[in-house]
Amino acid sequence: MNPDTIHHEYFMQKRMALLLTICLSLAACSTDHVEDLRQYVTETKIKSKGPIEPMPQIEPLKPYAYTSENRRAPFSAKVIINPSTAKIPNGIDPSQLDATRRKEPLEVFSLDTMKLSGIIERNGEVWAIIKAPDSIVYWVKRGNYLGQNYGKITHITENKVDVTETIPDGTGGWQSRPASLVLAE
């Protein structure tokens, strides 16, 4: 035999063996491994209770025609206030707020995060003992400020501290709002 023929025959045998291996591998991969899925689908179909109820009818919205007449446009961001005709709610003028006053330590905390821990009278003055969120205990008296809304202590009783906060009213003015810290039981 010719060496080229032997080599060609050997090469063909190897090629057939490789092709046979690939075919057997593909045949092994094609077996059906979804029987458990088919069983689940069959059980689910058996458990179904019947037809699904139709969705409820939704009433269409009736359009509303907005007429501004003499009012401002509802989506304009700019609110124009004439200072000469603007009303000052509760008699609070922004110039009454002392912006140059040095802030007190309890003015950095929100009023609702503070806890009234006790009341004490010392040298004829009534003091409130307040625990701040930073776990530091502060002594305050009437006239001191606390909270983030210009809260001024107006009265201290045996179980609460009355505070008057000054908050913006949204139209360029200010309004007073009473608040209290009550002694924790």
Protein backbone atom coordinates (compact mmCIF):
# COMPACT_ATOMS: atom_id res chain seq x y z
CA MET A 1 0.00 0.00 0.00
CA ASN A 2 0.96 3.48 -0.72
CA PRO A 3 1.94 5.54 2.36
CA ASP A 4 -0.33 8.34 1.18
CA THR A 5 -3.26 5.96 1.04
CA ILE A 6 -2.57 4.68 4.54
CA HIS A 7 -2.33 8.21 5.84
CA HIS A 8 -5.57 9.19 4.07
CA GLU A 9 -7.39 6.11 5.41
CA TYR A 10 -6.15 6.79 8.95
CA PHE A 11 -7.25 10.41 8.67
CA MET A 12 -10.72 9.33 7.45
CA GLN A 13 -11.11 6.88 10.35
CA LYS A 14 -10.24 9.60 12.85
CA ARG A 15 -12.67 11.94 11.16
CA MET A 16 -15.47 9.35 11.30
CA ALA A 17 -14.76 8.65 14.98
CA LEU A 18 -14.93 12.37 15.77
CA LEU A 19 -18.15 12.75 13.80
CA LEU A 20 -19.65 9.74 15.58
CA THR A 21 -18.68 11.19 19.00
CA ILE A 22 -20.28 14.53 18.16
CA CYS A 23 -23.49 12.85 16.97
CA LEU A 24 -23.72 10.72 20.12
CA SER A 25 -23.12 13.79 22.32
CA LEU A 26 -25.87 15.70 20.56
CA ALA A 27 -28.21 12.74 20.84
CA ALA A 28 -27.54 12.55 24.60
CA CYS A 29 -28.33 16.26 24.96
CA SER A 30 -31.61 15.95 23.17
CA THR A 31 -33.26 13.68 25.75
CA ASP A 32 -36.40 15.08 27.33
CA HIS A 33 -35.70 16.37 30.90
CA VAL A 34 -38.84 18.47 31.24
CA GLU A 35 -41.22 15.83 32.51
CA ASP A 36 -41.49 17.51 35.94
CA LEU A 37 -42.40 20.80 34.22
CA ARG A 38 -45.12 19.09 32.19
CA GLN A 39 -46.50 17.50 35.37
CA TYR A 40 -46.58 20.92 37.13
CA VAL A 41 -48.43 22.52 34.21
CA THR A 42 -50.97 19.68 34.20
CA GLU A 43 -51.56 20.02 37.98
CA THR A 44 -51.96 23.79 37.66
CA LYS A 45 -54.54 23.41 34.90
CA ILE A 46 -56.50 20.94 37.04
CA LYS A 47 -56.50 23.35 40.02
CA SER A 48 -57.85 26.29 38.02
CA LYS A 49 -61.18 27.45 39.40
CA GLY A 50 -62.80 28.58 36.22
CA PRO A 51 -62.91 31.68 34.07
CA ILE A 52 -61.34 34.92 35.31
CA GLU A 53 -63.76 37.71 36.14
CA PRO A 54 -63.61 40.65 33.73
CA MET A 55 -62.02 43.89 34.95
CA PRO A 56 -64.45 46.47 36.31
CA GLN A 57 -65.52 49.27 34.02
CA ILE A 58 -63.67 52.51 34.61
CA GLU A 59 -65.66 55.69 34.23
CA PRO A 60 -63.96 58.12 31.86
CA LEU A 61 -62.83 61.37 33.44
CA LYS A 62 -64.88 64.41 32.68
CA PRO A 63 -62.61 67.24 31.52
CA TYR A 64 -62.62 70.42 33.56
CA ALA A 65 -62.21 73.72 31.79
CA TYR A 66 -60.19 76.08 33.98
CA THR A 67 -60.95 79.76 33.61
CA SER A 68 -58.52 81.94 35.49
CA GLU A 69 -60.68 85.06 35.53
CA ASN A 70 -58.68 87.35 37.86
CA ARG A 71 -56.68 84.59 39.59
CA ARG A 72 -53.09 83.68 38.91
CA ALA A 73 -52.21 80.83 36.58
CA PRO A 74 -52.07 77.60 38.64
CA PHE A 75 -48.77 76.38 37.21
CA SER A 76 -46.78 79.58 37.28
CA ALA A 77 -43.96 79.40 39.77
CA LYS A 78 -43.71 83.10 40.37
CA VAL A 79 -45.83 84.67 43.11
CA ILE A 80 -45.75 88.45 42.96
CA ILE A 81 -46.38 90.21 46.25
CA ASN A 82 -46.66 93.94 46.44
CA PRO A 83 -45.04 94.86 49.79
CA SER A 84 -47.21 97.96 50.17
CA THR A 85 -50.46 95.95 49.99
CA ALA A 86 -49.28 92.64 51.49
CA LYS A 87 -50.90 91.58 54.72
CA ILE A 88 -48.66 90.51 57.55
CA PRO A 89 -50.30 87.48 59.20
CA ASN A 90 -50.51 87.58 62.99
CA GLY A 91 -48.72 90.94 62.94
CA ILE A 92 -45.28 89.43 62.29
CA ASP A 93 -43.13 91.55 60.07
CA PRO A 94 -39.99 89.87 58.67
CA SER A 95 -37.98 92.79 60.01
CA GLN A 96 -39.01 91.67 63.53
CA LEU A 97 -36.98 88.48 63.10
CA ASP A 98 -33.50 89.23 64.34
CA ALA A 99 -31.28 87.67 61.70
CA THR A 100 -28.13 89.02 63.35
CA ARG A 101 -28.90 87.35 66.70
CA ARG A 102 -26.40 84.66 67.63
CA LYS A 103 -28.05 81.24 67.35
CA GLU A 104 -28.41 79.23 70.54
CA PRO A 105 -27.22 75.59 70.69
CA LEU A 106 -30.71 74.05 70.60
CA GLU A 107 -31.67 75.92 67.42
CA VAL A 108 -29.83 73.39 65.26
CA PHE A 109 -32.26 70.61 66.23
CA SER A 110 -35.85 70.09 65.20
CA LEU A 111 -38.28 70.66 68.07
CA ASP A 112 -39.71 67.16 67.80
CA THR A 113 -36.29 65.56 68.34
CA MET A 114 -35.81 67.16 71.76
CA LYS A 115 -36.97 65.66 75.06
CA LEU A 116 -38.01 67.59 78.17
CA SER A 117 -36.29 65.75 81.02
CA GLY A 118 -37.15 67.95 83.98
CA ILE A 119 -38.02 71.34 85.48
CA ILE A 120 -36.00 72.99 88.23
CA GLU A 121 -36.22 76.28 90.09
CA ARG A 122 -32.95 77.96 90.93
CA ASN A 123 -32.48 81.41 92.49
CA GLY A 124 -36.10 82.30 91.76
CA GLU A 125 -35.86 81.35 88.05
CA VAL A 126 -37.55 78.34 86.51
CA TRP A 127 -35.32 76.29 84.23
CA ALA A 128 -36.19 73.44 81.89
CA ILE A 129 -33.78 70.58 81.40
CA ILE A 130 -33.81 69.43 77.78
CA LYS A 131 -32.00 66.47 76.28
CA ALA A 132 -31.03 67.06 72.66
CA PRO A 133 -30.54 64.38 69.98
CA ASP A 134 -26.77 64.68 70.47
CA SER A 135 -27.36 63.29 74.04
CA ILE A 136 -26.21 66.53 75.65
CA VAL A 137 -28.41 67.99 78.40
CA TYR A 138 -29.16 71.72 78.17
CA TRP A 139 -30.68 74.11 80.71
CA VAL A 140 -33.02 76.72 79.22
CA LYS A 141 -35.28 79.41 80.64
CA ARG A 142 -38.01 81.72 79.42
CA GLY A 143 -36.76 83.81 76.50
CA ASN A 144 -34.30 81.20 75.20
CA TYR A 145 -34.64 79.92 71.65
CA LEU A 146 -34.90 76.32 70.52
CA GLY A 147 -35.91 74.45 67.37
CA GLN A 148 -35.31 75.35 63.76
CA ASN A 149 -38.31 77.68 63.39
CA TYR A 150 -37.29 80.63 65.57
CA GLY A 151 -38.91 78.88 68.55
CA LYS A 152 -38.88 81.14 71.61
CA ILE A 153 -39.73 79.79 75.08
CA THR A 154 -42.72 81.75 76.36
CA HIS A 155 -43.70 79.84 79.48
CA ILE A 156 -42.41 77.00 81.66
CA THR A 157 -44.76 75.06 83.94
CA GLU A 158 -44.14 72.04 86.14
CA ASN A 159 -44.70 69.57 83.28
CA LYS A 160 -44.25 71.42 79.97
CA VAL A 161 -42.43 74.14 78.09
CA ASP A 162 -44.50 76.40 75.83
CA VAL A 163 -42.76 77.63 72.69
CA THR A 164 -43.90 80.07 70.02
CA GLU A 165 -42.45 79.25 66.62
CA THR A 166 -42.35 81.72 63.74
CA ILE A 167 -42.73 80.01 60.40
CA PRO A 168 -43.05 81.29 56.83
CA ASP A 169 -46.62 81.28 55.53
CA GLY A 170 -45.67 80.62 51.90
CA THR A 171 -46.64 84.06 50.59
CA GLY A 172 -43.65 86.03 51.83
CA GLY A 173 -45.05 86.65 55.31
CA TRP A 174 -44.65 84.94 58.65
CA GLN A 175 -47.03 83.41 61.15
CA SER A 176 -46.82 82.31 64.77
CA ARG A 177 -47.45 78.73 65.77
CA PRO A 178 -47.67 77.48 69.35
CA ALA A 179 -45.78 74.31 70.29
CA SER A 180 -44.91 72.52 73.50
CA LEU A 181 -42.43 70.10 74.94
CA VAL A 182 -44.10 67.87 77.53
CA LEU A 183 -42.29 66.19 80.40
CA ALA A 184 -41.72 62.52 79.60
CA GLU A 185 -43.29 60.11 82.09
